[in-house]
PDB file of N, CA and C in Angstrom:
ATOM      1  N   MET A   1      -5.033 130.503 -52.128  1.00  0.00           N
ATOM      2  CA  MET A   1      -6.256 131.175 -50.955  1.00  0.00           C
ATOM      3  C   MET A   1      -7.260 130.522 -50.869  1.00  0.00           C
ATOM      4  N   THR A   2      -7.597 129.535 -49.749  1.00  0.00           N
ATOM      5  CA  THR A   2      -9.184 129.101 -49.937  1.00  0.00           C
ATOM      6  C   THR A   2     -10.324 129.618 -49.873  1.00  0.00           C
ATOM      7  N   PRO A   3     -10.853 129.027 -50.476  1.00  0.00           N
ATOM      8  CA  PRO A   3     -12.755 129.890 -50.297  1.00  0.00           C
ATOM      9  C   PRO A   3     -12.456 130.493 -49.047  1.00  0.00           C
ATOM     10  N   LYS A   4     -12.590 129.591 -48.039  1.00  0.00           N
ATOM     11  CA  LYS A   4     -12.588 129.677 -46.744  1.00  0.00           C
ATOM     12  C   LYS A   4     -11.828 130.999 -46.043  1.00  0.00           C
ATOM     13  N   LEU A   5     -10.680 131.095 -46.555  1.00  0.00           N
ATOM     14  CA  LEU A   5      -9.670 132.106 -46.157  1.00  0.00           C
ATOM     15  C   LEU A   5     -10.511 133.410 -46.860  1.00  0.00           C
ATOM     16  N   SER A   6     -11.033 133.267 -47.747  1.00  0.00           N
ATOM     17  CA  SER A   6     -11.310 134.387 -48.425  1.00  0.00           C
ATOM     18  C   SER A   6     -12.497 135.016 -47.718  1.00  0.00           C
ATOM     19  N   GLU A   7     -13.182 134.171 -47.613  1.00  0.00           N
ATOM     20  CA  GLU A   7     -15.040 134.726 -46.641  1.00  0.00           C
ATOM     21  C   GLU A   7     -14.246 135.301 -45.213  1.00  0.00           C
ATOM     22  N   TYR A   8     -13.373 134.657 -44.431  1.00  0.00           N
ATOM     23  CA  TYR A   8     -13.050 134.998 -43.532  1.00  0.00           C
ATOM     24  C   TYR A   8     -12.306 136.565 -43.715  1.00  0.00           C
ATOM     25  N   ILE A   9     -11.350 137.040 -44.571  1.00  0.00           N
ATOM     26  CA  ILE A   9     -10.778 138.333 -44.851  1.00  0.00           C
ATOM     27  C   ILE A   9     -12.021 139.062 -45.055  1.00  0.00           C
ATOM     28  N   GLU A  10     -13.031 138.908 -46.049  1.00  0.00           N
ATOM     29  CA  GLU A  10     -14.179 139.709 -46.592  1.00  0.00           C
ATOM     30  C   GLU A  10     -14.813 140.284 -45.167  1.00  0.00           C
ATOM     31  N   ALA A  11     -15.082 138.952 -44.365  1.00  0.00           N
ATOM     32  CA  ALA A  11     -15.991 139.627 -43.093  1.00  0.00           C
ATOM     33  C   ALA A  11     -15.121 140.426 -42.534  1.00  0.00           C
ATOM     34  N   GLY A  12     -13.704 139.633 -41.958  1.00  0.00           N
ATOM     35  CA  GLY A  12     -12.897 140.991 -41.865  1.00  0.00           C
ATOM     36  C   GLY A  12     -13.132 142.568 -41.797  1.00  0.00           C
ATOM     37  N   LYS A  13     -13.172 142.677 -43.025  1.00  0.00           N
ATOM     38  CA  LYS A  13     -13.286 144.181 -43.788  1.00  0.00           C
ATOM     39  C   LYS A  13     -14.773 144.883 -43.225  1.00  0.00           C
ATOM     40  N   GLN A  14     -15.409 144.370 -42.770  1.00  0.00           N
ATOM     41  CA  GLN A  14     -17.004 144.672 -42.360  1.00  0.00           C
ATOM     42  C   GLN A  14     -16.429 145.392 -40.854  1.00  0.00           C
ATOM     43  N   LEU A  15     -15.448 144.816 -40.710  1.00  0.00           N
ATOM     44  CA  LEU A  15     -15.014 145.480 -38.929  1.00  0.00           C
ATOM     45  C   LEU A  15     -14.968 146.623 -38.942  1.00  0.00           C
ATOM     46  N   THR A  16     -15.051 147.393 -37.813  1.00  0.00           N
ATOM     47  CA  THR A  16     -14.356 149.166 -37.572  1.00  0.00           C
ATOM     48  C   THR A  16     -12.783 148.797 -37.718  1.00  0.00           C
ATOM     49  N   VAL A  17     -12.487 149.978 -37.844  1.00  0.00           N
ATOM     50  CA  VAL A  17     -10.902 150.238 -37.939  1.00  0.00           C
ATOM     51  C   VAL A  17     -10.390 149.466 -36.860  1.00  0.00           C
ATOM     52  N   ASP A  18     -10.693 149.620 -35.665  1.00  0.00           N
ATOM     53  CA  ASP A  18     -10.666 149.354 -34.029  1.00  0.00           C
ATOM     54  C   ASP A  18     -10.391 147.795 -34.195  1.00  0.00           C
ATOM     55  N   GLU A  19     -11.441 147.259 -34.464  1.00  0.00           N
ATOM     56  CA  GLU A  19     -11.860 146.298 -34.435  1.00  0.00           C
ATOM     57  C   GLU A  19     -10.507 145.036 -35.526  1.00  0.00           C
ATOM     58  N   ARG A  20     -10.553 145.910 -36.342  1.00  0.00           N
ATOM     59  CA  ARG A  20      -9.183 144.708 -37.253  1.00  0.00           C
ATOM     60  C   ARG A  20      -8.127 145.132 -36.964  1.00  0.00           C
ATOM     61  N   LEU A  21      -8.081 146.345 -36.146  1.00  0.00           N
ATOM     62  CA  LEU A  21      -6.410 146.433 -35.279  1.00  0.00           C
ATOM     63  C   LEU A  21      -6.023 145.266 -34.295  1.00  0.00           C
ATOM     64  N   GLU A  22      -7.305 145.193 -33.466  1.00  0.00           N
ATOM     65  CA  GLU A  22      -7.238 143.627 -32.659  1.00  0.00           C
ATOM     66  C   GLU A  22      -7.284 142.742 -33.140  1.00  0.00           C
ATOM     67  N   VAL A  23      -7.629 142.842 -34.365  1.00  0.00           N
ATOM     68  CA  VAL A  23      -7.559 140.917 -35.091  1.00  0.00           C
ATOM     69  C   VAL A  23      -6.198 141.225 -35.632  1.00  0.00           C
ATOM     70  N   ALA A  24      -5.928 142.041 -36.001  1.00  0.00           N
ATOM     71  CA  ALA A  24      -4.775 142.146 -36.620  1.00  0.00           C
ATOM     72  C   ALA A  24      -3.460 141.826 -35.579  1.00  0.00           C
ATOM     73  N   HIS A  25      -3.888 141.854 -34.437  1.00  0.00           N
ATOM     74  CA  HIS A  25      -2.285 142.117 -33.100  1.00  0.00           C
ATOM     75  C   HIS A  25      -2.696 141.047 -32.332  1.00  0.00           C
ATOM     76  N   GLN A  26      -4.196 140.606 -32.727  1.00  0.00           N
ATOM     77  CA  GLN A  26      -3.747 139.175 -31.575  1.00  0.00           C
ATOM     78  C   GLN A  26      -3.280 137.583 -32.988  1.00  0.00           C
ATOM     79  N   LEU A  27      -3.562 138.000 -34.442  1.00  0.00           N
ATOM     80  CA  LEU A  27      -2.830 137.195 -35.206  1.00  0.00           C
ATOM     81  C   LEU A  27      -1.502 137.535 -35.117  1.00  0.00           C
ATOM     82  N   LEU A  28      -0.862 138.613 -35.230  1.00  0.00           N
ATOM     83  CA  LEU A  28       0.552 138.814 -35.121  1.00  0.00           C
ATOM     84  C   LEU A  28       0.768 137.792 -33.801  1.00  0.00           C
ATOM     85  N   LEU A  29      -0.118 137.916 -32.662  1.00  0.00           N
ATOM     86  CA  LEU A  29       0.615 137.625 -31.771  1.00  0.00           C
ATOM     87  C   LEU A  29       1.162 136.063 -31.680  1.00  0.00           C
ATOM     88  N   SER A  30       0.059 134.943 -32.148  1.00  0.00           N
ATOM     89  CA  SER A  30      -0.404 134.133 -32.424  1.00  0.00           C
ATOM     90  C   SER A  30       0.926 133.292 -33.361  1.00  0.00           C
ATOM     91  N   VAL A  31       1.522 134.296 -34.169  1.00  0.00           N
ATOM     92  CA  VAL A  31       2.454 134.077 -35.051  1.00  0.00           C
ATOM     93  C   VAL A  31       3.738 133.826 -33.936  1.00  0.00           C
ATOM     94  N   GLN A  32       4.035 135.165 -33.860  1.00  0.00           N
ATOM     95  CA  GLN A  32       5.087 135.660 -32.846  1.00  0.00           C
ATOM     96  C   GLN A  32       5.808 134.470 -31.875  1.00  0.00           C
ATOM     97  N   ASP A  33       4.586 133.823 -30.813  1.00  0.00           N
ATOM     98  CA  ASP A  33       4.541 133.101 -30.301  1.00  0.00           C
ATOM     99  C   ASP A  33       4.955 131.935 -30.493  1.00  0.00           C
ATOM    100  N   GLY A  34       4.321 131.529 -31.618  1.00  0.00           N
ATOM    101  CA  GLY A  34       4.662 129.542 -32.129  1.00  0.00           C
ATOM    102  C   GLY A  34       3.676 129.202 -31.222  1.00  0.00           C
ATOM    103  N   GLY A  35       2.740 129.220 -29.919  1.00  0.00           N
ATOM    104  CA  GLY A  35       2.170 128.467 -29.378  1.00  0.00           C
ATOM    105  C   GLY A  35       2.879 127.557 -28.289  1.00  0.00           C
ATOM    106  N   GLU A  36       4.260 128.007 -28.141  1.00  0.00           N
ATOM    107  CA  GLU A  36       5.132 127.655 -27.057  1.00  0.00           C
ATOM    108  C   GLU A  36       3.847 127.443 -25.433  1.00  0.00           C
ATOM    109  N   HIS A  37       3.927 129.041 -25.030  1.00  0.00           N
ATOM    110  CA  HIS A  37       3.318 128.353 -23.962  1.00  0.00           C
ATOM    111  C   HIS A  37       2.359 129.616 -23.729  1.00  0.00           C
ATOM    112  N   LYS A  38       1.162 129.121 -23.412  1.00  0.00           N
ATOM    113  CA  LYS A  38      -0.367 130.333 -23.539  1.00  0.00           C
ATOM    114  C   LYS A  38      -0.654 130.019 -22.271  1.00  0.00           C
ATOM    115  N   PRO A  39      -1.108 131.439 -21.407  1.00  0.00           N
ATOM    116  CA  PRO A  39      -1.893 131.180 -20.113  1.00  0.00           C
ATOM    117  C   PRO A  39      -3.217 130.590 -20.303  1.00  0.00           C
ATOM    118  N   ALA A  40      -3.370 129.759 -19.358  1.00  0.00           N
ATOM    119  CA  ALA A  40      -4.906 129.312 -18.895  1.00  0.00           C
ATOM    120  C   ALA A  40      -5.355 128.948 -17.987  1.00  0.00           C
ATOM    121  N   GLY A  41      -6.765 129.317 -17.779  1.00  0.00           N
ATOM    122  CA  GLY A  41      -7.285 129.360 -16.450  1.00  0.00           C
ATOM    123  C   GLY A  41      -6.695 129.966 -15.559  1.00  0.00           C
ATOM    124  N   ALA A  42      -6.028 129.085 -13.953  1.00  0.00           N
ATOM    125  CA  ALA A  42      -6.676 130.605 -13.202  1.00  0.00           C
ATOM    126  C   ALA A  42      -5.125 131.015 -13.268  1.00  0.00           C
ATOM    127  N   GLU A  43      -3.758 130.605 -13.607  1.00  0.00           N
ATOM    128  CA  GLU A  43      -2.956 131.580 -14.344  1.00  0.00           C
ATOM    129  C   GLU A  43      -3.082 133.032 -15.009  1.00  0.00           C
ATOM    130  N   TRP A  44      -3.839 132.377 -16.156  1.00  0.00           N
ATOM    131  CA  TRP A  44      -4.791 133.659 -16.976  1.00  0.00           C
ATOM    132  C   TRP A  44      -5.325 134.970 -15.537  1.00  0.00           C
ATOM    133  N   GLU A  45      -6.152 134.279 -15.665  1.00  0.00           N
ATOM    134  CA  GLU A  45      -7.122 135.057 -14.527  1.00  0.00           C
ATOM    135  C   GLU A  45      -6.025 135.756 -13.344  1.00  0.00           C
ATOM    136  N   ALA A  46      -5.408 134.865 -12.765  1.00  0.00           N
ATOM    137  CA  ALA A  46      -4.226 135.830 -12.195  1.00  0.00           C
ATOM    138  C   ALA A  46      -3.611 137.172 -12.992  1.00  0.00           C
ATOM    139  N   GLU A  47      -3.033 136.926 -14.244  1.00  0.00           N
ATOM    140  CA  GLU A  47      -2.183 137.898 -14.667  1.00  0.00           C
ATOM    141  C   GLU A  47      -3.217 138.968 -14.909  1.00  0.00           C
ATOM    142  N   LEU A  48      -4.371 138.454 -14.986  1.00  0.00           N
ATOM    143  CA  LEU A  48      -5.724 139.863 -15.849  1.00  0.00           C
ATOM    144  C   LEU A  48      -5.808 140.642 -14.100  1.00  0.00           C
ATOM    145  N   LEU A  49      -6.145 139.865 -13.480  1.00  0.00           N
ATOM    146  CA  LEU A  49      -6.255 140.473 -11.877  1.00  0.00           C
ATOM    147  C   LEU A  49      -5.578 141.509 -11.474  1.00  0.00           C
ATOM    148  N   GLN A  50      -4.216 140.792 -11.752  1.00  0.00           N
ATOM    149  CA  GLN A  50      -2.516 141.555 -11.726  1.00  0.00           C
ATOM    150  C   GLN A  50      -2.769 142.516 -12.187  1.00  0.00           C
ATOM    151  N   ARG A  51      -3.046 143.100 -13.670  1.00  0.00           N
ATOM    152  CA  ARG A  51      -2.970 143.837 -14.461  1.00  0.00           C
ATOM    153  C   ARG A  51      -4.129 145.045 -13.949  1.00  0.00           C
ATOM    154  N   ALA A  52      -5.036 144.765 -13.818  1.00  0.00           N
ATOM    155  CA  ALA A  52      -6.096 144.988 -13.342  1.00  0.00           C
ATOM    156  C   ALA A  52      -5.881 146.226 -11.695  1.00  0.00           C
ATOM    157  N   GLN A  53      -5.362 145.053 -11.222  1.00  0.00           N
ATOM    158  CA  GLN A  53      -5.053 145.996  -9.888  1.00  0.00           C
ATOM    159  C   GLN A  53      -3.901 147.302 -10.279  1.00  0.00           C
ATOM    160  N   GLU A  54      -3.138 147.142 -11.458  1.00  0.00           N
ATOM    161  CA  GLU A  54      -2.276 148.105 -11.252  1.00  0.00           C
ATOM    162  C   GLU A  54      -2.620 149.195 -12.330  1.00  0.00           C
ATOM    163  N   ALA A  55      -3.710 148.811 -12.504  1.00  0.00           N
ATOM    164  CA  ALA A  55      -4.687 149.849 -13.670  1.00  0.00           C
ATOM    165  C   ALA A  55      -5.144 150.725 -12.581  1.00  0.00           C
ATOM    166  N   LEU A  56      -5.659 149.571 -11.270  1.00  0.00           N
ATOM    167  CA  LEU A  56      -6.419 150.957 -10.179  1.00  0.00           C
ATOM    168  C   LEU A  56      -5.575 151.609  -9.181  1.00  0.00           C
ATOM    169  N   ASP A  57      -4.239 151.364  -9.038  1.00  0.00           N
ATOM    170  CA  ASP A  57      -3.302 151.559  -8.088  1.00  0.00           C
ATOM    171  C   ASP A  57      -2.484 152.687  -8.908  1.00  0.00           C
ATOM    172  N   GLY A  58      -2.755 152.847 -10.022  1.00  0.00           N
ATOM    173  CA  GLY A  58      -1.721 154.081 -10.498  1.00  0.00           C
ATOM    174  C   GLY A  58      -0.658 153.294 -11.046  1.00  0.00           C
ATOM    175  N   THR A  59      -0.190 152.457 -11.002  1.00  0.00           N
ATOM    176  CA  THR A  59       1.366 151.653 -10.908  1.00  0.00           C
ATOM    177  C   THR A  59       1.306 150.976 -12.480  1.00  0.00           C
ATOM    178  N   ALA A  60       0.816 150.693 -13.151  1.00  0.00           N
ATOM    179  CA  ALA A  60       0.374 150.209 -14.475  1.00  0.00           C
ATOM    180  C   ALA A  60       1.059 151.375 -15.800  1.00  0.00           C
ATOM    181  N   VAL A  61       1.666 150.550 -16.491  1.00  0.00           N
ATOM    182  CA  VAL A  61       2.269 151.730 -17.685  1.00  0.00           C
ATOM    183  C   VAL A  61       1.268 151.852 -18.986  1.00  0.00           C
ATOM    184  N   LEU A  62       0.485 152.670 -18.708  1.00  0.00           N
ATOM    185  CA  LEU A  62      -0.458 153.112 -19.580  1.00  0.00           C
ATOM    186  C   LEU A  62      -0.075 153.420 -20.897  1.00  0.00           C
ATOM    187  N   HIS A  63      -0.546 153.007 -21.977  1.00  0.00           N
ATOM    188  CA  HIS A  63      -0.199 153.662 -23.379  1.00  0.00           C
ATOM    189  C   HIS A  63      -0.991 154.260 -24.330  1.00  0.00           C
ATOM    190  N   ASP A  64      -1.068 155.164 -25.087  1.00  0.00           N
ATOM    191  CA  ASP A  64      -2.213 156.010 -25.813  1.00  0.00           C
ATOM    192  C   ASP A  64      -2.518 155.182 -27.185  1.00  0.00           C
ATOM    193  N   VAL A  65      -3.646 155.172 -26.969  1.00  0.00           N
ATOM    194  CA  VAL A  65      -4.508 154.271 -27.696  1.00  0.00           C
ATOM    195  C   VAL A  65      -3.786 154.464 -29.400  1.00  0.00           C
ATOM    196  N   ASP A  66      -3.888 156.012 -30.094  1.00  0.00           N
ATOM    197  CA  ASP A  66      -3.280 156.133 -30.946  1.00  0.00           C
ATOM    198  C   ASP A  66      -1.912 155.753 -31.512  1.00  0.00           C
ATOM    199  N   GLU A  67      -1.118 156.172 -30.554  1.00  0.00           N
ATOM    200  CA  GLU A  67      -0.171 155.709 -30.741  1.00  0.00           C
ATOM    201  C   GLU A  67       0.309 153.772 -30.455  1.00  0.00           C
ATOM    202  N   SER A  68      -0.683 153.398 -30.018  1.00  0.00           N
ATOM    203  CA  SER A  68      -0.644 151.646 -30.029  1.00  0.00           C
ATOM    204  C   SER A  68      -0.901 151.335 -31.407  1.00  0.00           C
ATOM    205  N   HIS A  69      -1.870 152.188 -31.762  1.00  0.00           N
ATOM    206  CA  HIS A  69      -2.542 151.790 -32.717  1.00  0.00           C
ATOM    207  C   HIS A  69      -1.050 151.899 -34.148  1.00  0.00           C
ATOM    208  N   ALA A  70      -0.678 153.547 -34.202  1.00  0.00           N
ATOM    209  CA  ALA A  70       0.538 153.529 -35.258  1.00  0.00           C
ATOM    210  C   ALA A  70       1.474 152.577 -34.703  1.00  0.00           C
ATOM    211  N   ARG A  71       1.812 152.071 -33.396  1.00  0.00           N
ATOM    212  CA  ARG A  71       2.989 150.903 -33.882  1.00  0.00           C
ATOM    213  C   ARG A  71       2.941 150.044 -34.480  1.00  0.00           C
ATOM    214  N   ILE A  72       1.323 149.513 -33.900  1.00  0.00           N
ATOM    215  CA  ILE A  72       0.909 148.409 -34.458  1.00  0.00           C
ATOM    216  C   ILE A  72       0.990 147.932 -36.095  1.00  0.00           C
ATOM    217  N   ARG A  73       0.047 149.319 -36.626  1.00  0.00           N
ATOM    218  CA  ARG A  73       0.668 149.583 -38.163  1.00  0.00           C
ATOM    219  C   ARG A  73       1.662 149.266 -38.762  1.00  0.00           C
ATOM    220  N   GLU A  74       2.905 150.019 -38.061  1.00  0.00           N
ATOM    221  CA  GLU A  74       4.016 150.160 -38.547  1.00  0.00           C
ATOM    222  C   GLU A  74       4.533 148.444 -38.920  1.00  0.00           C
ATOM    223  N   GLU A  75       4.653 147.854 -37.523  1.00  0.00           N
ATOM    224  CA  GLU A  75       4.789 146.210 -37.187  1.00  0.00           C
ATOM    225  C   GLU A  75       4.270 145.744 -38.309  1.00  0.00           C
ATOM    226  N   LEU A  76       3.057 146.133 -38.435  1.00  0.00           N
ATOM    227  CA  LEU A  76       2.374 145.236 -39.852  1.00  0.00           C
ATOM    228  C   LEU A  76       2.870 145.290 -41.128  1.00  0.00           C
ATOM    229  N   ALA A  77       3.337 147.138 -41.443  1.00  0.00           N
ATOM    230  CA  ALA A  77       3.739 147.143 -42.526  1.00  0.00           C
ATOM    231  C   ALA A  77       5.105 147.107 -42.775  1.00  0.00           C
ATOM    232  N   ALA A  78       5.808 146.469 -41.691  1.00  0.00           N
ATOM    233  CA  ALA A  78       7.301 145.837 -41.480  1.00  0.00           C
ATOM    234  C   ALA A  78       7.091 144.935 -42.039  1.00  0.00           C
ATOM    235  N   MET A  79       6.370 143.835 -41.758  1.00  0.00           N
ATOM    236  CA  MET A  79       6.236 142.413 -41.779  1.00  0.00           C
ATOM    237  C   MET A  79       6.077 142.320 -43.266  1.00  0.00           C
ATOM    238  N   ARG A  80       5.000 143.226 -43.652  1.00  0.00           N
ATOM    239  CA  ARG A  80       4.487 142.739 -44.899  1.00  0.00           C
ATOM    240  C   ARG A  80       5.906 143.188 -46.249  1.00  0.00           C
ATOM    241  N   ARG A  81       6.615 144.137 -45.460  1.00  0.00           N
ATOM    242  CA  ARG A  81       8.248 144.314 -46.426  1.00  0.00           C
ATOM    243  C   ARG A  81       8.898 143.178 -46.565  1.00  0.00           C
ATOM    244  N   LYS A  82       8.760 142.159 -45.622  1.00  0.00           N
ATOM    245  CA  LYS A  82      10.012 141.015 -45.573  1.00  0.00           C
ATOM    246  C   LYS A  82       9.857 140.231 -46.627  1.00  0.00           C
TER     247      LYS A  82
END
């Protein structure tokens, strides 16, 4: 492990549990995606607007935050076991 990576990890430990889960989730997505296609600019803005509208009009599928965190923890634990 490089010194810089150690610094990042130590800094990450100072985050709240929710912040650490979000970081872990984003890092997991970055590994799973492989960088093939990442929405940017107008495309990403359109996606965000669509999702916001779905939340406002009640058609979005919403997930309980505690259940989502538990799922993320399970996925991370499974990845560590591999």
